[in-house]
Protein backbone atom coordinates (compact mmCIF):
# COMPACT_ATOMS: atom_id res chain seq x y z
CA MET A 1 40.55 97.66 95.61
CA SER A 2 43.11 95.20 96.46
CA PRO A 3 43.31 91.80 98.42
CA HIS A 4 46.30 93.18 100.53
CA TYR A 5 43.90 96.15 102.02
CA PRO A 6 40.20 95.27 102.33
CA GLU A 7 37.72 98.24 101.74
CA ASP A 8 35.94 97.15 104.91
CA ARG A 9 38.68 98.13 107.37
CA LEU A 10 40.09 101.68 108.25
CA TYR A 11 43.87 101.71 108.80
CA HIS A 12 46.08 103.40 111.44
CA LEU A 13 49.46 104.83 109.91
CA ASP A 14 51.27 102.89 112.53
CA ALA A 15 50.57 99.49 110.97
CA LEU A 16 47.09 98.36 112.54
CA TRP A 17 43.86 98.26 110.83
CA LEU A 18 40.32 98.46 112.73
CA GLN A 19 37.31 96.79 111.41
CA THR A 20 34.10 98.04 113.01
CA LEU A 21 31.52 95.03 114.01
CA GLY A 22 28.40 97.29 114.59
CA ASP A 23 27.23 99.09 117.58
CA ASP A 24 30.49 99.87 119.30
CA GLU A 25 32.73 96.94 118.54
CA ALA A 26 35.87 96.51 116.51
CA LEU A 27 38.45 93.99 115.60
CA LEU A 28 41.82 95.21 115.20
CA GLY A 29 45.17 93.55 113.60
CA VAL A 30 48.28 94.02 111.73
CA ASN A 31 47.75 95.21 108.32
CA HIS A 32 49.60 93.36 105.07
CA HIS A 33 52.63 95.76 104.63
CA ALA A 34 53.50 95.85 108.35
CA GLN A 35 53.53 92.13 108.49
CA GLN A 36 55.44 91.77 105.41
CA SER A 37 57.93 94.33 106.47
CA LEU A 38 58.37 92.41 110.12
CA GLY A 39 59.27 89.06 108.31
CA ALA A 40 58.15 86.01 110.01
CA VAL A 41 56.21 87.07 113.35
CA MET A 42 57.56 84.78 116.16
CA TYR A 43 55.83 86.14 119.41
CA VAL A 44 52.90 88.89 120.21
CA ASP A 45 52.51 90.38 123.71
CA LEU A 46 48.83 91.67 123.85
CA PRO A 47 46.85 93.66 126.66
CA ARG A 48 44.85 91.75 129.18
CA VAL A 49 41.08 91.32 128.71
CA GLY A 50 39.16 94.27 130.33
CA GLY A 51 42.17 96.82 130.15
CA ASN A 52 41.72 100.03 127.96
CA LEU A 53 43.76 101.12 125.04
CA ARG A 54 44.33 105.02 124.46
CA GLN A 55 44.55 105.79 120.43
CA GLY A 56 48.20 106.30 119.24
CA THR A 57 49.68 104.55 122.56
CA PRO A 58 51.51 101.06 122.55
CA CYS A 59 49.02 98.59 123.32
CA GLY A 60 51.29 95.55 123.06
CA THR A 61 54.28 94.47 121.25
CA ILE A 62 54.99 92.13 118.40
CA GLU A 63 58.50 90.20 117.72
CA SER A 64 59.56 89.06 114.60
CA SER A 65 62.60 87.77 112.79
CA LYS A 66 63.85 91.36 111.86
CA ALA A 67 62.58 93.49 114.93
CA VAL A 68 60.75 93.88 118.20
CA SER A 69 57.79 96.72 117.49
CA ASP A 70 55.53 98.59 119.62
CA LEU A 71 51.59 97.78 118.47
CA ILE A 72 50.17 101.41 118.50
CA ALA A 73 46.41 101.51 119.19
CA PRO A 74 44.47 102.84 116.31
CA ALA A 75 41.38 103.75 118.77
CA SER A 76 40.50 104.03 122.09
CA GLY A 77 38.61 101.39 123.76
CA LYS A 78 38.15 98.59 126.37
CA VAL A 79 39.48 95.24 125.42
CA LEU A 80 36.77 92.31 125.17
CA ALA A 81 38.84 89.87 123.70
CA ILE A 82 42.55 88.93 122.61
CA ASN A 83 43.13 86.13 119.71
CA THR A 84 44.37 83.04 121.91
CA ALA A 85 45.50 81.44 118.97
CA LEU A 86 48.37 83.75 118.60
CA ARG A 87 49.98 82.38 121.91
CA THR A 88 50.78 79.08 120.02
CA GLU A 89 50.70 80.21 116.47
CA PRO A 90 51.92 83.74 115.84
CA ALA A 91 52.36 83.18 112.20
CA LEU A 92 48.86 83.59 111.75
CA ILE A 93 49.37 87.17 111.55
CA ASN A 94 51.54 86.60 108.41
CA ARG A 95 49.15 84.07 106.75
CA ALA A 96 46.19 85.67 107.27
CA PRO A 97 46.35 89.33 108.76
CA TYR A 98 42.67 90.33 108.29
CA ALA A 99 41.19 87.04 109.06
CA GLU A 100 42.52 84.57 111.60
CA GLY A 101 45.74 86.65 112.47
CA TRP A 102 43.64 89.70 114.38
CA LEU A 103 44.66 90.83 117.18
CA LEU A 104 42.03 92.17 119.70
CA ARG A 105 38.32 92.85 119.74
CA ILE A 106 37.57 96.09 121.66
CA ARG A 107 34.79 98.03 122.55
CA LEU A 108 35.25 101.56 121.23
CA ASP A 109 35.15 104.65 123.73
CA ALA A 110 33.94 106.86 120.53
CA PRO A 111 32.51 104.58 118.01
CA GLY A 112 31.65 107.63 115.68
CA ASP A 113 35.38 109.08 115.92
CA LYS A 114 37.15 108.04 112.90
CA SER A 115 40.05 110.26 113.53
CA GLY A 116 43.49 108.93 112.85
CA LEU A 117 42.38 106.41 110.55
CA ILE A 118 41.94 106.07 106.79
CA ARG A 119 40.34 104.33 104.16
CA ALA A 120 42.39 101.36 102.00
CA GLY A 121 43.11 103.70 98.99
CA GLU A 122 44.46 106.58 100.90
CA TYR A 123 46.71 104.10 103.05
CA MET A 124 47.64 102.66 99.69
CA LYS A 125 48.62 106.14 98.50
CA HIS A 126 50.69 106.83 101.67
CA LEU A 127 52.56 103.50 100.94
CA GLY A 128 53.54 105.01 97.19
CA LEU A 129 51.29 101.69 95.83
CA VAL A 130 48.87 104.03 93.91
CA ASP A 131 48.92 107.64 92.57
């Protein structure tokens, strides 16, 4: 549908995307709209590996040229990995939010539960980009 909102992701209204990796794992990242609205990302504070996320609650912060914002977890789960490249190059979020700019890999608490997440077309409607 749009290169800015890949169909293989689910979108949380609070700016993050989730891509299931099969079984019970998923990648999380900042969506195109959010990174564009924030401007140049300068710093990201992510949870520690082994920590737990609870859907709808802050799981870190992102600092840009415009603001410091909470990262709201799109799903509940245990943090398996963080993108350590963001420590030295947080601008990856701006350049490649769906590729090298991912934030976290998690093990989902409830892999089949997609509540609070919407598909790309619905997210684009939410943003007013399509009818």
